[in-house]
Amino acid sequence: MGAYAAARAALSGRASVISKDDTVSGIRALHNAARSAVKARTAALNQIVHILITAPDDICVNYSALRGKTQVDAISRLRPTGDGPRVALLTALRTLVRRVQALTAATEHSPGLRAAFGVGPDTAARLLVTAGGNLDRLRTEASFAARCGVAPVPASSGRTNRHRLPPGGDRCANSALYRIALVRMSSDARTRDYVAWRTAAGRTKKEIIRLLKRAIAREIFRYLTTPVSVPDVSDLRPARQAKNITLITVAEHFGVWPAVISCIERGTRRDDDLASAYRDWLTAA
C-alpha cells in the first residue's frame, strides 16, 4: 500500500493496521545509513588500525593498548582538538567507531533476539527492520518465513521430490538468516551434527542451508513475538575480581576464548547456559 492509499484508508476508518513503531523506524534509518559501512566493515577496521599505527605517539599509546568495546568507547569519547591534521585524524577515528555503536544500539529494542546463537548486532537490526514495528502483520511463523524469502516451494521433477527457496521476500532478511546459518554450521555443535546427518542422507549443501534458514526463521519469530527476559550478568565480573581470578583462568576452565567470557560479563553476548555455569563455578571457587 502506497503512502497516499494508506492515508485515505486511515481517514476513512478502513485501516486495520496500526502505525509502525518509531523505534523500528529509527532502526531502519540507522541500518540504511550504515549499509555502506557494513559492506566495508573489514576495510574500516583495518583503517582504524592503520590510523593508530601512524598517529602521533600520545594517540597511539592511549588507544592501541585498548581492545574491543573498551577501545571503541574510548575513541567515541575523544574530542578532536589541536592543529588541522590532528583534528582530521581524531575525527576519522570517532566517525568509524560510531558506525559500530549505531548498529549495536539498534538491537536494544529487542534484547531477547540476541539470545539466538549467531545473531549479532547487524543481523538483529536487519531482522527487526523486516519484522517492522507491527507484528500483527506476521500472524504465524510461516508468514514471517515467507516475508524473509525462506518459505520452501516445490521443485520436484519426475521421481525427485525436492523444494527450493522462493525468489521473492526481503533479501536483507534472507541474507541475515544465511549469515546466521553459516555461523552455526561452523561454530554450533548441534548444527554441525545436523549437517552431517543430512549430508549422509544425500542432501546437498544448498538444500541443507535452505532447511537451516527455514528453521532459524521459526526460532527468530518466537524471539520477536515472545517477551524474553534478559538475565542480569552484572554480578559476574565483580565476583571474579573479588576472588582474583583472571579471564584466562575462566576461559581455560570452560574451554573458550577469554574474549567470550569478557563479552558475557559485559552483556554484549548472550549465552545463558554458560553464564549460569560460570556463576555456579565462581560461587564454588
C-alpha atoms as a PDB file:
ATOM      1  CA  MET A   1       0.000   0.000   0.000  1.00  0.00           C
ATOM      2  CA  GLY A   2       1.379   3.386  -1.007  1.00  0.00           C
ATOM      3  CA  ALA A   3       1.545   6.380   1.294  1.00  0.00           C
ATOM      4  CA  TYR A   4      -1.432   8.093  -0.414  1.00  0.00           C
ATOM      5  CA  ALA A   5      -3.594   4.956  -0.269  1.00  0.00           C
ATOM      6  CA  ALA A   6      -2.646   4.350   3.354  1.00  0.00           C
ATOM      7  CA  ALA A   7      -3.630   7.918   4.273  1.00  0.00           C
ATOM      8  CA  ARG A   8      -7.023   7.557   2.554  1.00  0.00           C
ATOM      9  CA  ALA A   9      -7.641   4.260   4.335  1.00  0.00           C
ATOM     10  CA  ALA A  10      -6.789   5.797   7.693  1.00  0.00           C
ATOM     11  CA  LEU A  11      -9.091   8.783   7.144  1.00  0.00           C
ATOM     12  CA  SER A  12     -11.969   6.588   6.006  1.00  0.00           C
ATOM     13  CA  GLY A  13     -11.669   4.326   9.035  1.00  0.00           C
ATOM     14  CA  ARG A  14     -10.904   1.259   6.915  1.00  0.00           C
ATOM     15  CA  ALA A  15      -7.308   0.931   8.076  1.00  0.00           C
ATOM     16  CA  SER A  16      -6.774  -2.188  10.198  1.00  0.00           C
ATOM     17  CA  VAL A  17      -3.038  -1.807  10.764  1.00  0.00           C
ATOM     18  CA  ILE A  18      -1.546   0.417  13.435  1.00  0.00           C
ATOM     19  CA  SER A  19       1.313   2.727  12.595  1.00  0.00           C
ATOM     20  CA  LYS A  20       4.812   1.387  12.807  1.00  0.00           C
ATOM     21  CA  ASP A  21       6.854   1.693  15.970  1.00  0.00           C
ATOM     22  CA  ASP A  22       9.062   4.785  15.931  1.00  0.00           C
ATOM     23  CA  THR A  23      11.898   2.717  17.375  1.00  0.00           C
ATOM     24  CA  VAL A  24      11.885   0.364  14.392  1.00  0.00           C
ATOM     25  CA  SER A  25      11.693   3.335  12.037  1.00  0.00           C
ATOM     26  CA  GLY A  26      14.810   4.655  13.714  1.00  0.00           C
ATOM     27  CA  ILE A  27      16.497   1.277  13.359  1.00  0.00           C
ATOM     28  CA  ARG A  28      15.591   1.247   9.664  1.00  0.00           C
ATOM     29  CA  ALA A  29      17.101   4.694   9.207  1.00  0.00           C
ATOM     30  CA  LEU A  30      20.250   3.687  11.066  1.00  0.00           C
ATOM     31  CA  HIS A  31      20.552   0.488   9.114  1.00  0.00           C
ATOM     32  CA  ASN A  32      20.054   2.099   5.726  1.00  0.00           C
ATOM     33  CA  ALA A  33      22.653   4.720   6.572  1.00  0.00           C
ATOM     34  CA  ALA A  34      25.080   2.059   7.754  1.00  0.00           C
ATOM     35  CA  ARG A  35      24.808  -0.335   4.795  1.00  0.00           C
ATOM     36  CA  SER A  36      27.867   1.040   3.089  1.00  0.00           C
ATOM     37  CA  ALA A  37      29.789   0.783   6.351  1.00  0.00           C
ATOM     38  CA  VAL A  38      28.684  -2.826   6.861  1.00  0.00           C
ATOM     39  CA  LYS A  39      29.833  -3.810   3.378  1.00  0.00           C
ATOM     40  CA  ALA A  40      33.211  -2.249   4.076  1.00  0.00           C
ATOM     41  CA  ARG A  41      33.498  -3.358   7.709  1.00  0.00           C
ATOM     42  CA  THR A  42      36.792  -5.142   7.247  1.00  0.00           C
ATOM     43  CA  ALA A  43      38.269  -2.153   5.461  1.00  0.00           C
ATOM     44  CA  ALA A  44      37.023   0.165   8.219  1.00  0.00           C
ATOM     45  CA  LEU A  45      38.549  -1.968  10.975  1.00  0.00           C
ATOM     46  CA  ASN A  46      41.832  -2.097   9.114  1.00  0.00           C
ATOM     47  CA  GLN A  47      41.657   1.642   8.649  1.00  0.00           C
ATOM     48  CA  ILE A  48      41.361   2.184  12.410  1.00  0.00           C
ATOM     49  CA  VAL A  49      44.449   0.042  12.948  1.00  0.00           C
ATOM     50  CA  HIS A  50      46.393   1.897  10.269  1.00  0.00           C
ATOM     51  CA  ILE A  51      45.373   5.286  11.623  1.00  0.00           C
ATOM     52  CA  LEU A  52      46.521   4.354  15.114  1.00  0.00           C
ATOM     53  CA  ILE A  53      49.824   2.995  13.821  1.00  0.00           C
ATOM     54  CA  THR A  54      50.659   6.234  12.020  1.00  0.00           C
ATOM     55  CA  ALA A  55      49.095   8.512  14.631  1.00  0.00           C
ATOM     56  CA  PRO A  56      51.148  10.729  16.959  1.00  0.00           C
ATOM     57  CA  ASP A  57      52.733   8.941  19.873  1.00  0.00           C
ATOM     58  CA  ASP A  58      50.251  10.117  22.507  1.00  0.00           C
ATOM     59  CA  ILE A  59      47.239   8.910  20.474  1.00  0.00           C
ATOM     60  CA  CYS A  60      48.909   5.624  19.561  1.00  0.00           C
ATOM     61  CA  VAL A  61      49.836   4.847  23.170  1.00  0.00           C
ATOM     62  CA  ASN A  62      46.426   5.813  24.560  1.00  0.00           C
ATOM     63  CA  TYR A  63      44.257   3.787  22.170  1.00  0.00           C
ATOM     64  CA  SER A  64      46.366   0.996  20.649  1.00  0.00           C
ATOM     65  CA  ALA A  65      46.682  -0.743  24.022  1.00  0.00           C
ATOM     66  CA  LEU A  66      42.882  -0.987  24.334  1.00  0.00           C
ATOM     67  CA  ARG A  67      40.837  -3.764  22.801  1.00  0.00           C
ATOM     68  CA  GLY A  68      37.264  -4.384  21.710  1.00  0.00           C
ATOM     69  CA  LYS A  69      34.438  -2.369  23.220  1.00  0.00           C
ATOM     70  CA  THR A  70      36.821  -0.586  25.596  1.00  0.00           C
ATOM     71  CA  GLN A  71      38.720   0.860  22.645  1.00  0.00           C
ATOM     72  CA  VAL A  72      35.521   1.774  20.799  1.00  0.00           C
ATOM     73  CA  ASP A  73      34.069   3.572  23.832  1.00  0.00           C
ATOM     74  CA  ALA A  74      37.319   5.440  24.490  1.00  0.00           C
ATOM     75  CA  ILE A  75      37.650   6.663  20.905  1.00  0.00           C
ATOM     76  CA  SER A  76      33.984   7.710  20.755  1.00  0.00           C
ATOM     77  CA  ARG A  77      34.508   9.997  23.747  1.00  0.00           C
ATOM     78  CA  LEU A  78      37.538  11.835  22.380  1.00  0.00           C
ATOM     79  CA  ARG A  79      37.257  15.481  21.317  1.00  0.00           C
ATOM     80  CA  PRO A  80      39.125  16.490  18.162  1.00  0.00           C
ATOM     81  CA  THR A  81      41.444  19.322  19.171  1.00  0.00           C
ATOM     82  CA  GLY A  82      44.778  20.666  18.023  1.00  0.00           C
ATOM     83  CA  ASP A  83      46.017  21.596  14.580  1.00  0.00           C
ATOM     84  CA  GLY A  84      44.336  20.688  11.298  1.00  0.00           C
ATOM     85  CA  PRO A  85      45.898  17.255  10.666  1.00  0.00           C
ATOM     86  CA  ARG A  86      45.332  16.164  14.288  1.00  0.00           C
ATOM     87  CA  VAL A  87      41.664  17.209  14.195  1.00  0.00           C
ATOM     88  CA  ALA A  88      41.145  15.339  10.916  1.00  0.00           C
ATOM     89  CA  LEU A  89      42.757  12.185  12.330  1.00  0.00           C
ATOM     90  CA  LEU A  90      40.702  12.198  15.522  1.00  0.00           C
ATOM     91  CA  THR A  91      37.507  12.944  13.627  1.00  0.00           C
ATOM     92  CA  ALA A  92      38.109   9.989  11.303  1.00  0.00           C
ATOM     93  CA  LEU A  93      38.632   7.663  14.259  1.00  0.00           C
ATOM     94  CA  ARG A  94      35.494   8.834  16.035  1.00  0.00           C
ATOM     95  CA  THR A  95      33.402   8.529  12.865  1.00  0.00           C
ATOM     96  CA  LEU A  96      34.473   4.920  12.314  1.00  0.00           C
ATOM     97  CA  VAL A  97      33.736   3.745  15.844  1.00  0.00           C
ATOM     98  CA  ARG A  98      30.342   5.455  15.940  1.00  0.00           C
ATOM     99  CA  ARG A  99      29.220   3.363  12.991  1.00  0.00           C
ATOM    100  CA  VAL A 100      29.803   0.276  15.114  1.00  0.00           C
ATOM    101  CA  GLN A 101      27.968   1.801  18.087  1.00  0.00           C
ATOM    102  CA  ALA A 102      24.946   2.682  15.949  1.00  0.00           C
ATOM    103  CA  LEU A 103      24.465  -0.940  14.887  1.00  0.00           C
ATOM    104  CA  THR A 104      24.954  -2.193  18.442  1.00  0.00           C
ATOM    105  CA  ALA A 105      22.449   0.266  19.900  1.00  0.00           C
ATOM    106  CA  ALA A 106      19.842  -0.776  17.327  1.00  0.00           C
ATOM    107  CA  THR A 107      19.300  -4.175  18.968  1.00  0.00           C
ATOM    108  CA  GLU A 108      18.310  -2.715  22.343  1.00  0.00           C
ATOM    109  CA  HIS A 109      14.717  -2.630  21.080  1.00  0.00           C
ATOM    110  CA  SER A 110      14.611  -6.451  21.229  1.00  0.00           C
ATOM    111  CA  PRO A 111      17.378  -7.697  23.563  1.00  0.00           C
ATOM    112  CA  GLY A 112      15.975 -11.211  23.607  1.00  0.00           C
ATOM    113  CA  LEU A 113      16.767 -11.570  19.904  1.00  0.00           C
ATOM    114  CA  ARG A 114      20.455 -11.677  20.775  1.00  0.00           C
ATOM    115  CA  ALA A 115      19.804 -14.894  22.714  1.00  0.00           C
ATOM    116  CA  ALA A 116      19.721 -16.740  19.388  1.00  0.00           C
ATOM    117  CA  PHE A 117      23.060 -18.322  18.534  1.00  0.00           C
ATOM    118  CA  GLY A 118      24.860 -16.468  15.749  1.00  0.00           C
ATOM    119  CA  VAL A 119      22.754 -13.297  15.897  1.00  0.00           C
ATOM    120  CA  GLY A 120      24.990 -10.229  16.002  1.00  0.00           C
ATOM    121  CA  PRO A 121      24.085  -6.537  16.035  1.00  0.00           C
ATOM    122  CA  ASP A 122      23.864  -6.206  12.259  1.00  0.00           C
ATOM    123  CA  THR A 123      21.785  -9.359  11.663  1.00  0.00           C
ATOM    124  CA  ALA A 124      19.474  -8.426  14.556  1.00  0.00           C
ATOM    125  CA  ALA A 125      18.952  -4.960  13.051  1.00  0.00           C
ATOM    126  CA  ARG A 126      18.154  -6.449   9.634  1.00  0.00           C
ATOM    127  CA  LEU A 127      15.564  -8.835  11.108  1.00  0.00           C
ATOM    128  CA  LEU A 128      13.975  -6.120  13.250  1.00  0.00           C
ATOM    129  CA  VAL A 129      13.615  -3.885  10.210  1.00  0.00           C
ATOM    130  CA  THR A 130      11.990  -6.708   8.257  1.00  0.00           C
ATOM    131  CA  ALA A 131       9.565  -7.542  11.042  1.00  0.00           C
ATOM    132  CA  GLY A 132       8.738  -3.863  11.402  1.00  0.00           C
ATOM    133  CA  GLY A 133       7.056  -2.260  14.353  1.00  0.00           C
ATOM    134  CA  ASN A 134       3.796  -4.025  13.575  1.00  0.00           C
ATOM    135  CA  LEU A 135       3.993  -7.739  14.258  1.00  0.00           C
ATOM    136  CA  ASP A 136       0.211  -8.069  13.756  1.00  0.00           C
ATOM    137  CA  ARG A 137       1.051  -8.477  10.078  1.00  0.00           C
ATOM    138  CA  LEU A 138       3.049 -11.582  10.898  1.00  0.00           C
ATOM    139  CA  ARG A 139       0.383 -13.755  12.488  1.00  0.00           C
ATOM    140  CA  THR A 140       2.320 -17.004  12.084  1.00  0.00           C
ATOM    141  CA  GLU A 141       5.932 -18.054  11.763  1.00  0.00           C
ATOM    142  CA  ALA A 142       5.106 -19.202   8.238  1.00  0.00           C
ATOM    143  CA  SER A 143       4.162 -15.650   7.245  1.00  0.00           C
ATOM    144  CA  PHE A 144       7.435 -14.370   8.710  1.00  0.00           C
ATOM    145  CA  ALA A 145       9.358 -17.049   6.785  1.00  0.00           C
ATOM    146  CA  ALA A 146       7.591 -16.035   3.585  1.00  0.00           C
ATOM    147  CA  ARG A 147       8.439 -12.388   4.200  1.00  0.00           C
ATOM    148  CA  CYS A 148      12.090 -13.359   4.683  1.00  0.00           C
ATOM    149  CA  GLY A 149      12.047 -15.402   1.468  1.00  0.00           C
ATOM    150  CA  VAL A 150      12.761 -18.756   3.150  1.00  0.00           C
ATOM    151  CA  ALA A 151       9.387 -20.479   2.782  1.00  0.00           C
ATOM    152  CA  PRO A 152      10.074 -23.542   0.589  1.00  0.00           C
ATOM    153  CA  VAL A 153       8.286 -24.027  -2.734  1.00  0.00           C
ATOM    154  CA  PRO A 154       8.010 -27.360  -4.608  1.00  0.00           C
ATOM    155  CA  ALA A 155      10.711 -28.050  -7.181  1.00  0.00           C
ATOM    156  CA  SER A 156      10.056 -31.727  -7.907  1.00  0.00           C
ATOM    157  CA  SER A 157      10.770 -33.396 -11.224  1.00  0.00           C
ATOM    158  CA  GLY A 158       9.867 -36.934 -12.127  1.00  0.00           C
ATOM    159  CA  ARG A 159      10.698 -39.197  -9.203  1.00  0.00           C
ATOM    160  CA  THR A 160      12.730 -36.487  -7.471  1.00  0.00           C
ATOM    161  CA  ASN A 161      10.860 -34.800  -4.642  1.00  0.00           C
ATOM    162  CA  ARG A 162      12.616 -31.574  -3.687  1.00  0.00           C
ATOM    163  CA  HIS A 163      11.958 -27.986  -2.648  1.00  0.00           C
ATOM    164  CA  ARG A 164      13.759 -24.705  -3.232  1.00  0.00           C
ATOM    165  CA  LEU A 165      13.717 -21.192  -1.828  1.00  0.00           C
ATOM    166  CA  PRO A 166      11.376 -18.649  -3.433  1.00  0.00           C
ATOM    167  CA  PRO A 167      12.902 -15.758  -5.388  1.00  0.00           C
ATOM    168  CA  GLY A 168      10.799 -13.173  -3.504  1.00  0.00           C
ATOM    169  CA  GLY A 169      10.871 -11.905   0.056  1.00  0.00           C
ATOM    170  CA  ASP A 170      13.059  -9.392   1.832  1.00  0.00           C
ATOM    171  CA  ARG A 171      16.575 -10.032   0.554  1.00  0.00           C
ATOM    172  CA  CYS A 172      18.218  -8.275   3.519  1.00  0.00           C
ATOM    173  CA  ALA A 173      16.436 -10.577   5.966  1.00  0.00           C
ATOM    174  CA  ASN A 174      17.275 -13.549   3.758  1.00  0.00           C
ATOM    175  CA  SER A 175      20.927 -12.536   3.851  1.00  0.00           C
ATOM    176  CA  ALA A 176      20.781 -12.207   7.647  1.00  0.00           C
ATOM    177  CA  LEU A 177      19.366 -15.725   8.017  1.00  0.00           C
ATOM    178  CA  TYR A 178      22.031 -17.020   5.635  1.00  0.00           C
ATOM    179  CA  ARG A 179      24.791 -15.491   7.760  1.00  0.00           C
ATOM    180  CA  ILE A 180      23.304 -16.984  10.931  1.00  0.00           C
ATOM    181  CA  ALA A 181      23.196 -20.385   9.231  1.00  0.00           C
ATOM    182  CA  LEU A 182      26.870 -20.136   8.216  1.00  0.00           C
ATOM    183  CA  VAL A 183      27.893 -19.164  11.759  1.00  0.00           C
ATOM    184  CA  ARG A 184      26.019 -22.128  13.200  1.00  0.00           C
ATOM    185  CA  MET A 185      27.430 -24.526  10.629  1.00  0.00           C
ATOM    186  CA  SER A 186      30.952 -23.551  11.673  1.00  0.00           C
ATOM    187  CA  SER A 187      30.557 -22.983  15.423  1.00  0.00           C
ATOM    188  CA  ASP A 188      27.470 -24.760  16.768  1.00  0.00           C
ATOM    189  CA  ALA A 189      27.894 -28.446  17.618  1.00  0.00           C
ATOM    190  CA  ARG A 190      24.207 -29.316  17.158  1.00  0.00           C
ATOM    191  CA  THR A 191      24.119 -27.667  13.745  1.00  0.00           C
ATOM    192  CA  ARG A 192      27.271 -29.499  12.651  1.00  0.00           C
ATOM    193  CA  ASP A 193      25.696 -32.807  13.708  1.00  0.00           C
ATOM    194  CA  TYR A 194      22.557 -31.890  11.772  1.00  0.00           C
ATOM    195  CA  VAL A 195      24.577 -31.041   8.663  1.00  0.00           C
ATOM    196  CA  ALA A 196      26.451 -34.359   8.897  1.00  0.00           C
ATOM    197  CA  TRP A 197      23.168 -36.249   9.244  1.00  0.00           C
ATOM    198  CA  ARG A 198      21.573 -34.500   6.277  1.00  0.00           C
ATOM    199  CA  THR A 199      24.707 -34.934   4.171  1.00  0.00           C
ATOM    200  CA  ALA A 200      24.719 -38.662   4.889  1.00  0.00           C
ATOM    201  CA  ALA A 201      21.079 -38.755   3.793  1.00  0.00           C
ATOM    202  CA  GLY A 202      22.064 -37.392   0.383  1.00  0.00           C
ATOM    203  CA  ARG A 203      21.194 -33.712   0.807  1.00  0.00           C
ATOM    204  CA  THR A 204      23.321 -31.119  -0.959  1.00  0.00           C
ATOM    205  CA  LYS A 205      24.873 -28.166   0.871  1.00  0.00           C
ATOM    206  CA  LYS A 206      22.414 -25.773  -0.772  1.00  0.00           C
ATOM    207  CA  GLU A 207      19.470 -27.870   0.408  1.00  0.00           C
ATOM    208  CA  ILE A 208      20.860 -28.090   3.935  1.00  0.00           C
ATOM    209  CA  ILE A 209      21.257 -24.313   4.120  1.00  0.00           C
ATOM    210  CA  ARG A 210      17.668 -23.931   2.903  1.00  0.00           C
ATOM    211  CA  LEU A 211      16.438 -26.190   5.706  1.00  0.00           C
ATOM    212  CA  LEU A 212      18.544 -24.341   8.263  1.00  0.00           C
ATOM    213  CA  LYS A 213      17.279 -20.930   7.166  1.00  0.00           C
ATOM    214  CA  ARG A 214      13.670 -22.097   7.492  1.00  0.00           C
ATOM    215  CA  ALA A 215      14.322 -23.457  10.989  1.00  0.00           C
ATOM    216  CA  ILE A 216      16.163 -20.281  12.029  1.00  0.00           C
ATOM    217  CA  ALA A 217      13.251 -18.136  10.780  1.00  0.00           C
ATOM    218  CA  ARG A 218      10.921 -20.162  13.029  1.00  0.00           C
ATOM    219  CA  GLU A 219      13.224 -19.556  16.001  1.00  0.00           C
ATOM    220  CA  ILE A 220      13.637 -15.835  15.273  1.00  0.00           C
ATOM    221  CA  PHE A 221       9.862 -15.406  15.039  1.00  0.00           C
ATOM    222  CA  ARG A 222       9.500 -16.766  18.578  1.00  0.00           C
ATOM    223  CA  TYR A 223      12.070 -14.280  19.854  1.00  0.00           C
ATOM    224  CA  LEU A 224      10.331 -11.398  18.066  1.00  0.00           C
ATOM    225  CA  THR A 225       6.819 -12.230  19.289  1.00  0.00           C
ATOM    226  CA  THR A 226       7.500 -13.559  22.784  1.00  0.00           C
ATOM    227  CA  PRO A 227       8.743 -11.252  25.556  1.00  0.00           C
ATOM    228  CA  VAL A 228      12.156 -12.508  26.648  1.00  0.00           C
ATOM    229  CA  SER A 229      13.673 -11.516  29.968  1.00  0.00           C
ATOM    230  CA  VAL A 230      17.385 -10.893  29.744  1.00  0.00           C
ATOM    231  CA  PRO A 231      19.211 -12.389  32.751  1.00  0.00           C
ATOM    232  CA  ASP A 232      21.308  -9.985  34.794  1.00  0.00           C
ATOM    233  CA  VAL A 233      25.036 -10.693  34.440  1.00  0.00           C
ATOM    234  CA  SER A 234      26.361  -7.597  36.177  1.00  0.00           C
ATOM    235  CA  ASP A 235      27.444  -9.696  39.182  1.00  0.00           C
ATOM    236  CA  LEU A 236      29.867 -11.902  37.253  1.00  0.00           C
ATOM    237  CA  ARG A 237      32.819  -9.550  36.793  1.00  0.00           C
ATOM    238  CA  PRO A 238      32.800  -8.187  40.395  1.00  0.00           C
ATOM    239  CA  ALA A 239      32.591 -11.744  41.739  1.00  0.00           C
ATOM    240  CA  ARG A 240      35.542 -12.849  39.597  1.00  0.00           C
ATOM    241  CA  GLN A 241      37.638  -9.830  40.502  1.00  0.00           C
ATOM    242  CA  ALA A 242      36.833 -10.235  44.211  1.00  0.00           C
ATOM    243  CA  LYS A 243      38.417 -13.695  44.077  1.00  0.00           C
ATOM    244  CA  ASN A 244      41.408 -12.524  41.985  1.00  0.00           C
ATOM    245  CA  ILE A 245      40.539 -14.882  39.114  1.00  0.00           C
ATOM    246  CA  THR A 246      41.747 -13.871  35.659  1.00  0.00           C
ATOM    247  CA  LEU A 247      39.791 -14.113  32.435  1.00  0.00           C
ATOM    248  CA  ILE A 248      42.344 -16.586  31.113  1.00  0.00           C
ATOM    249  CA  THR A 249      41.736 -18.919  34.060  1.00  0.00           C
ATOM    250  CA  VAL A 250      37.984 -18.835  33.489  1.00  0.00           C
ATOM    251  CA  ALA A 251      38.366 -19.325  29.746  1.00  0.00           C
ATOM    252  CA  GLU A 252      40.666 -22.323  30.204  1.00  0.00           C
ATOM    253  CA  HIS A 253      38.209 -23.920  32.619  1.00  0.00           C
ATOM    254  CA  PHE A 254      35.283 -23.642  30.188  1.00  0.00           C
ATOM    255  CA  GLY A 255      37.325 -24.242  27.027  1.00  0.00           C
ATOM    256  CA  VAL A 256      36.530 -20.924  25.344  1.00  0.00           C
ATOM    257  CA  TRP A 257      38.423 -17.780  24.379  1.00  0.00           C
ATOM    258  CA  PRO A 258      38.905 -15.101  27.089  1.00  0.00           C
ATOM    259  CA  ALA A 259      37.028 -12.664  24.838  1.00  0.00           C
ATOM    260  CA  VAL A 260      33.922 -14.853  25.134  1.00  0.00           C
ATOM    261  CA  ILE A 261      33.962 -14.608  28.925  1.00  0.00           C
ATOM    262  CA  SER A 262      34.572 -10.871  28.720  1.00  0.00           C
ATOM    263  CA  CYS A 263      31.611 -10.382  26.383  1.00  0.00           C
ATOM    264  CA  ILE A 264      29.339 -12.383  28.674  1.00  0.00           C
ATOM    265  CA  GLU A 265      30.424 -10.318  31.683  1.00  0.00           C
ATOM    266  CA  ARG A 266      29.684  -7.067  29.807  1.00  0.00           C
ATOM    267  CA  GLY A 267      26.359  -8.317  28.479  1.00  0.00           C
ATOM    268  CA  THR A 268      27.324  -7.961  24.835  1.00  0.00           C
ATOM    269  CA  ARG A 269      26.916 -11.682  24.191  1.00  0.00           C
ATOM    270  CA  ARG A 270      24.032 -13.942  25.230  1.00  0.00           C
ATOM    271  CA  ASP A 271      24.835 -17.468  26.389  1.00  0.00           C
ATOM    272  CA  ASP A 272      22.562 -18.188  29.323  1.00  0.00           C
ATOM    273  CA  ASP A 273      23.853 -21.729  29.896  1.00  0.00           C
ATOM    274  CA  LEU A 274      27.476 -20.616  30.020  1.00  0.00           C
ATOM    275  CA  ALA A 275      26.629 -17.622  32.212  1.00  0.00           C
ATOM    276  CA  SER A 276      24.780 -19.853  34.681  1.00  0.00           C
ATOM    277  CA  ALA A 277      27.615 -22.380  34.769  1.00  0.00           C
ATOM    278  CA  TYR A 278      30.112 -19.544  35.175  1.00  0.00           C
ATOM    279  CA  ARG A 279      28.166 -18.125  38.134  1.00  0.00           C
ATOM    280  CA  ASP A 280      27.986 -21.554  39.827  1.00  0.00           C
ATOM    281  CA  TRP A 281      31.724 -22.054  39.282  1.00  0.00           C
ATOM    282  CA  LEU A 282      32.515 -18.662  40.801  1.00  0.00           C
ATOM    283  CA  THR A 283      30.353 -19.449  43.825  1.00  0.00           C
ATOM    284  CA  ALA A 284      32.178 -22.719  44.407  1.00  0.00           C
ATOM    285  CA  ALA A 285      35.653 -21.292  43.709  1.00  0.00           C
END
